Amino acid sequence: MYFERPSAEVPPVEQLLGWSWPEWVTAPLNDGVEVFALPQRLTLALANAGSTELKELAHRWTTRLRAADGDDMTDDDLLAVLQGVARLAASAVSTGGGLYSWSY
């Protein structure tokens, strides 16, 4: 979804509803912990993304975050975050696994 039709703008709702999104592995628990499985298509796209694609994605991500949050945007290096996730995706693909996200 992020690599096929790049855009600095949020896509229309109809397009968003047509995409494959992360799925619950466990629903949120009382302590707020939740686990998502990322779609295989996204895992493969991240695993195969080159540095230029990751830079473009980080730029679009930053643009959207700034539009939504203004100056309250995170100070994290979003390119470094994407590069780390891409390395995890490459490892997952090479071992036949998948990517999961735990959040609190």
N, C-alpha and C. Protein backbone atom coordinates (compact mmCIF):
# COMPACT_ATOMS: atom_id res chain seq x y z
N MET A 1 0.81 -1.19 0.00
CA MET A 1 0.00 0.00 0.00
C MET A 1 0.85 1.25 0.00
N TYR A 2 2.00 1.23 0.70
CA TYR A 2 2.85 2.42 0.76
C TYR A 2 3.78 2.52 -0.43
N PHE A 3 4.09 1.40 -1.06
CA PHE A 3 5.04 1.41 -2.15
C PHE A 3 4.38 1.51 -3.52
N GLU A 4 3.15 1.03 -3.66
CA GLU A 4 2.51 0.98 -4.97
C GLU A 4 1.96 2.32 -5.42
N ARG A 5 1.35 3.07 -4.52
CA ARG A 5 0.75 4.36 -4.87
C ARG A 5 1.21 5.41 -3.88
N PRO A 6 2.48 5.80 -3.98
CA PRO A 6 2.98 6.77 -2.99
C PRO A 6 2.23 8.09 -3.05
N SER A 7 1.98 8.63 -1.88
CA SER A 7 1.29 9.90 -1.78
C SER A 7 1.59 10.53 -0.42
N ALA A 8 1.75 11.83 -0.41
CA ALA A 8 1.94 12.54 0.86
C ALA A 8 0.60 12.74 1.56
N GLU A 9 -0.48 12.57 0.81
CA GLU A 9 -1.82 12.73 1.35
C GLU A 9 -2.38 11.38 1.77
N VAL A 10 -3.28 11.39 2.73
CA VAL A 10 -3.96 10.17 3.14
C VAL A 10 -4.92 9.78 2.01
N PRO A 11 -4.89 8.51 1.57
CA PRO A 11 -5.78 8.09 0.49
C PRO A 11 -7.25 8.15 0.91
N PRO A 12 -8.16 8.14 -0.07
CA PRO A 12 -9.59 8.15 0.25
C PRO A 12 -9.97 6.91 1.06
N VAL A 13 -11.03 7.04 1.85
CA VAL A 13 -11.49 5.95 2.72
C VAL A 13 -11.75 4.68 1.92
N GLU A 14 -12.33 4.79 0.74
CA GLU A 14 -12.64 3.61 -0.07
C GLU A 14 -11.36 2.83 -0.39
N GLN A 15 -10.30 3.54 -0.69
CA GLN A 15 -9.02 2.89 -0.99
C GLN A 15 -8.44 2.25 0.27
N LEU A 16 -8.52 2.95 1.38
CA LEU A 16 -8.01 2.41 2.64
C LEU A 16 -8.73 1.11 3.02
N LEU A 17 -10.03 1.08 2.83
CA LEU A 17 -10.82 -0.10 3.19
C LEU A 17 -10.50 -1.30 2.30
N GLY A 18 -9.96 -1.05 1.11
CA GLY A 18 -9.63 -2.13 0.19
C GLY A 18 -8.29 -2.79 0.44
N TRP A 19 -7.46 -2.19 1.29
CA TRP A 19 -6.13 -2.71 1.55
C TRP A 19 -6.13 -3.82 2.59
N SER A 20 -5.10 -4.62 2.56
CA SER A 20 -4.87 -5.65 3.57
C SER A 20 -4.14 -5.00 4.75
N TRP A 21 -4.77 -4.99 5.91
CA TRP A 21 -4.20 -4.34 7.09
C TRP A 21 -3.67 -5.39 8.05
N PRO A 22 -2.84 -4.98 9.00
CA PRO A 22 -2.41 -5.94 10.04
C PRO A 22 -3.64 -6.54 10.74
N GLU A 23 -3.51 -7.79 11.11
CA GLU A 23 -4.61 -8.48 11.75
C GLU A 23 -4.28 -8.75 13.22
N TRP A 24 -5.31 -8.79 14.05
CA TRP A 24 -5.11 -9.09 15.47
C TRP A 24 -4.57 -10.50 15.61
N VAL A 25 -3.55 -10.68 16.40
CA VAL A 25 -3.12 -12.00 16.85
C VAL A 25 -3.79 -12.24 18.20
N THR A 26 -3.76 -11.21 19.02
CA THR A 26 -4.52 -11.21 20.27
C THR A 26 -5.20 -9.86 20.38
N ALA A 27 -6.42 -9.88 20.80
CA ALA A 27 -7.13 -8.62 21.02
C ALA A 27 -6.47 -7.89 22.20
N PRO A 28 -6.66 -6.58 22.31
CA PRO A 28 -6.06 -5.86 23.44
C PRO A 28 -6.49 -6.47 24.78
N LEU A 29 -5.54 -6.67 25.63
CA LEU A 29 -5.81 -7.21 26.96
C LEU A 29 -6.08 -6.06 27.93
N ASN A 30 -6.46 -6.39 29.15
CA ASN A 30 -6.76 -5.36 30.14
C ASN A 30 -5.57 -4.44 30.41
N ASP A 31 -4.35 -4.97 30.27
CA ASP A 31 -3.18 -4.13 30.52
C ASP A 31 -2.75 -3.34 29.29
N GLY A 32 -3.54 -3.44 28.19
CA GLY A 32 -3.25 -2.65 27.00
C GLY A 32 -2.33 -3.32 26.01
N VAL A 33 -1.88 -4.54 26.27
CA VAL A 33 -0.99 -5.23 25.35
C VAL A 33 -1.81 -5.77 24.18
N GLU A 34 -1.29 -5.58 22.97
CA GLU A 34 -1.93 -6.13 21.78
C GLU A 34 -0.86 -6.59 20.81
N VAL A 35 -1.18 -7.57 19.99
CA VAL A 35 -0.23 -8.10 19.02
C VAL A 35 -0.90 -8.13 17.65
N PHE A 36 -0.20 -7.62 16.64
CA PHE A 36 -0.67 -7.62 15.26
C PHE A 36 0.28 -8.46 14.41
N ALA A 37 -0.25 -9.12 13.40
CA ALA A 37 0.56 -9.77 12.37
C ALA A 37 0.50 -8.88 11.14
N LEU A 38 1.66 -8.47 10.64
CA LEU A 38 1.68 -7.65 9.44
C LEU A 38 1.38 -8.52 8.22
N PRO A 39 0.67 -7.98 7.23
CA PRO A 39 0.37 -8.76 6.04
C PRO A 39 1.67 -9.19 5.34
N GLN A 40 1.65 -10.38 4.76
CA GLN A 40 2.83 -10.90 4.07
C GLN A 40 3.27 -9.97 2.94
N ARG A 41 2.31 -9.38 2.26
CA ARG A 41 2.62 -8.46 1.16
C ARG A 41 3.45 -7.27 1.64
N LEU A 42 3.09 -6.73 2.80
CA LEU A 42 3.85 -5.61 3.37
C LEU A 42 5.22 -6.07 3.84
N THR A 43 5.28 -7.24 4.44
CA THR A 43 6.57 -7.79 4.89
C THR A 43 7.50 -7.95 3.70
N LEU A 44 7.01 -8.52 2.61
CA LEU A 44 7.83 -8.69 1.40
C LEU A 44 8.27 -7.35 0.82
N ALA A 45 7.35 -6.39 0.79
CA ALA A 45 7.69 -5.06 0.25
C ALA A 45 8.80 -4.41 1.09
N LEU A 46 8.71 -4.51 2.41
CA LEU A 46 9.75 -3.94 3.27
C LEU A 46 11.07 -4.69 3.10
N ALA A 47 11.00 -6.02 3.00
CA ALA A 47 12.21 -6.83 2.85
C ALA A 47 12.94 -6.51 1.56
N ASN A 48 12.19 -6.20 0.52
CA ASN A 48 12.79 -5.96 -0.80
C ASN A 48 13.03 -4.49 -1.10
N ALA A 49 12.66 -3.61 -0.19
CA ALA A 49 12.80 -2.17 -0.43
C ALA A 49 14.27 -1.77 -0.43
N GLY A 50 14.62 -0.93 -1.39
CA GLY A 50 15.96 -0.37 -1.43
C GLY A 50 16.04 0.89 -0.59
N SER A 51 17.24 1.41 -0.49
CA SER A 51 17.43 2.60 0.36
C SER A 51 16.63 3.80 -0.15
N THR A 52 16.51 3.95 -1.48
CA THR A 52 15.75 5.07 -2.03
C THR A 52 14.27 4.94 -1.66
N GLU A 53 13.72 3.73 -1.78
CA GLU A 53 12.32 3.51 -1.43
C GLU A 53 12.07 3.78 0.05
N LEU A 54 12.99 3.35 0.91
CA LEU A 54 12.82 3.58 2.34
C LEU A 54 12.91 5.07 2.67
N LYS A 55 13.81 5.79 1.99
CA LYS A 55 13.91 7.24 2.20
C LYS A 55 12.62 7.93 1.78
N GLU A 56 12.07 7.52 0.63
CA GLU A 56 10.82 8.12 0.15
C GLU A 56 9.67 7.83 1.12
N LEU A 57 9.62 6.59 1.61
CA LEU A 57 8.58 6.22 2.56
C LEU A 57 8.72 7.01 3.85
N ALA A 58 9.94 7.16 4.35
CA ALA A 58 10.17 7.93 5.57
C ALA A 58 9.76 9.39 5.37
N HIS A 59 10.03 9.92 4.18
CA HIS A 59 9.64 11.31 3.89
C HIS A 59 8.12 11.45 3.90
N ARG A 60 7.41 10.52 3.24
CA ARG A 60 5.94 10.58 3.23
C ARG A 60 5.38 10.40 4.63
N TRP A 61 5.98 9.50 5.40
CA TRP A 61 5.56 9.26 6.78
C TRP A 61 5.71 10.54 7.60
N THR A 62 6.87 11.18 7.47
CA THR A 62 7.14 12.43 8.19
C THR A 62 6.15 13.51 7.78
N THR A 63 5.88 13.62 6.48
CA THR A 63 4.94 14.62 5.98
C THR A 63 3.55 14.41 6.59
N ARG A 64 3.10 13.15 6.63
CA ARG A 64 1.78 12.86 7.19
C ARG A 64 1.73 13.13 8.69
N LEU A 65 2.80 12.75 9.40
CA LEU A 65 2.83 12.99 10.84
C LEU A 65 2.83 14.48 11.15
N ARG A 66 3.60 15.25 10.39
CA ARG A 66 3.63 16.70 10.61
C ARG A 66 2.26 17.32 10.33
N ALA A 67 1.58 16.82 9.28
CA ALA A 67 0.25 17.35 8.95
C ALA A 67 -0.73 17.05 10.07
N ALA A 68 -0.59 15.89 10.70
CA ALA A 68 -1.53 15.49 11.75
C ALA A 68 -1.15 16.06 13.11
N ASP A 69 0.15 16.10 13.42
CA ASP A 69 0.59 16.46 14.76
C ASP A 69 1.33 17.79 14.85
N GLY A 70 1.64 18.41 13.73
CA GLY A 70 2.36 19.68 13.75
C GLY A 70 3.70 19.56 14.44
N ASP A 71 3.99 20.49 15.33
CA ASP A 71 5.28 20.50 16.02
C ASP A 71 5.39 19.45 17.11
N ASP A 72 4.30 18.76 17.41
CA ASP A 72 4.33 17.72 18.44
C ASP A 72 4.78 16.37 17.89
N MET A 73 5.26 16.38 16.63
CA MET A 73 5.70 15.14 16.00
C MET A 73 6.86 14.52 16.76
N THR A 74 6.98 13.21 16.67
CA THR A 74 8.06 12.48 17.32
C THR A 74 9.43 12.98 16.88
N ASP A 75 10.41 12.88 17.76
CA ASP A 75 11.78 13.25 17.41
C ASP A 75 12.58 12.05 16.91
N ASP A 76 11.94 10.89 16.83
CA ASP A 76 12.64 9.69 16.36
C ASP A 76 13.09 9.86 14.92
N ASP A 77 14.17 9.18 14.56
CA ASP A 77 14.67 9.17 13.19
C ASP A 77 13.85 8.13 12.43
N LEU A 78 12.83 8.58 11.71
CA LEU A 78 11.91 7.66 11.07
C LEU A 78 12.57 6.81 10.00
N LEU A 79 13.59 7.33 9.33
CA LEU A 79 14.32 6.53 8.35
C LEU A 79 15.04 5.38 9.06
N ALA A 80 15.67 5.66 10.18
CA ALA A 80 16.36 4.61 10.94
C ALA A 80 15.36 3.54 11.41
N VAL A 81 14.17 3.98 11.82
CA VAL A 81 13.13 3.02 12.25
C VAL A 81 12.76 2.12 11.07
N LEU A 82 12.50 2.72 9.90
CA LEU A 82 12.13 1.93 8.72
C LEU A 82 13.25 0.99 8.29
N GLN A 83 14.49 1.45 8.36
CA GLN A 83 15.62 0.58 7.99
C GLN A 83 15.69 -0.62 8.92
N GLY A 84 15.46 -0.40 10.20
CA GLY A 84 15.46 -1.51 11.16
C GLY A 84 14.33 -2.49 10.90
N VAL A 85 13.13 -1.97 10.61
CA VAL A 85 12.00 -2.84 10.30
C VAL A 85 12.25 -3.59 9.00
N ALA A 86 12.86 -2.94 8.02
CA ALA A 86 13.18 -3.61 6.75
C ALA A 86 14.17 -4.76 6.98
N ARG A 87 15.13 -4.57 7.87
CA ARG A 87 16.06 -5.67 8.20
C ARG A 87 15.33 -6.82 8.87
N LEU A 88 14.41 -6.50 9.78
CA LEU A 88 13.60 -7.55 10.41
C LEU A 88 12.74 -8.27 9.37
N ALA A 89 12.18 -7.51 8.44
CA ALA A 89 11.35 -8.12 7.39
C ALA A 89 12.18 -9.05 6.51
N ALA A 90 13.40 -8.62 6.16
CA ALA A 90 14.27 -9.47 5.35
C ALA A 90 14.60 -10.76 6.09
N SER A 91 14.86 -10.67 7.37
CA SER A 91 15.14 -11.85 8.18
C SER A 91 13.91 -12.76 8.24
N ALA A 92 12.74 -12.17 8.41
CA ALA A 92 11.50 -12.96 8.47
C ALA A 92 11.27 -13.69 7.15
N VAL A 93 11.47 -12.99 6.04
CA VAL A 93 11.25 -13.60 4.73
C VAL A 93 12.25 -14.73 4.50
N SER A 94 13.51 -14.51 4.86
CA SER A 94 14.54 -15.53 4.60
C SER A 94 14.35 -16.78 5.45
N THR A 95 13.66 -16.66 6.58
CA THR A 95 13.44 -17.83 7.45
C THR A 95 12.03 -18.39 7.31
N GLY A 96 11.23 -17.79 6.43
CA GLY A 96 9.86 -18.27 6.23
C GLY A 96 8.90 -17.81 7.31
N GLY A 97 9.30 -16.81 8.08
CA GLY A 97 8.46 -16.30 9.16
C GLY A 97 7.65 -15.10 8.76
N GLY A 98 7.19 -14.36 9.74
CA GLY A 98 6.40 -13.16 9.49
C GLY A 98 6.81 -12.07 10.46
N LEU A 99 6.21 -10.90 10.29
CA LEU A 99 6.47 -9.78 11.18
C LEU A 99 5.26 -9.56 12.08
N TYR A 100 5.56 -9.32 13.35
CA TYR A 100 4.51 -9.07 14.34
C TYR A 100 4.84 -7.80 15.08
N SER A 101 3.83 -7.13 15.55
CA SER A 101 4.00 -5.89 16.29
C SER A 101 3.31 -6.03 17.64
N TRP A 102 4.07 -5.83 18.69
CA TRP A 102 3.51 -5.79 20.04
C TRP A 102 3.45 -4.34 20.46
N SER A 103 2.36 -3.94 21.05
CA SER A 103 2.28 -2.58 21.56
C SER A 103 1.63 -2.59 22.94
N TYR A 104 1.97 -1.56 23.71
CA TYR A 104 1.47 -1.43 25.08
C TYR A 104 0.65 -0.18 25.21
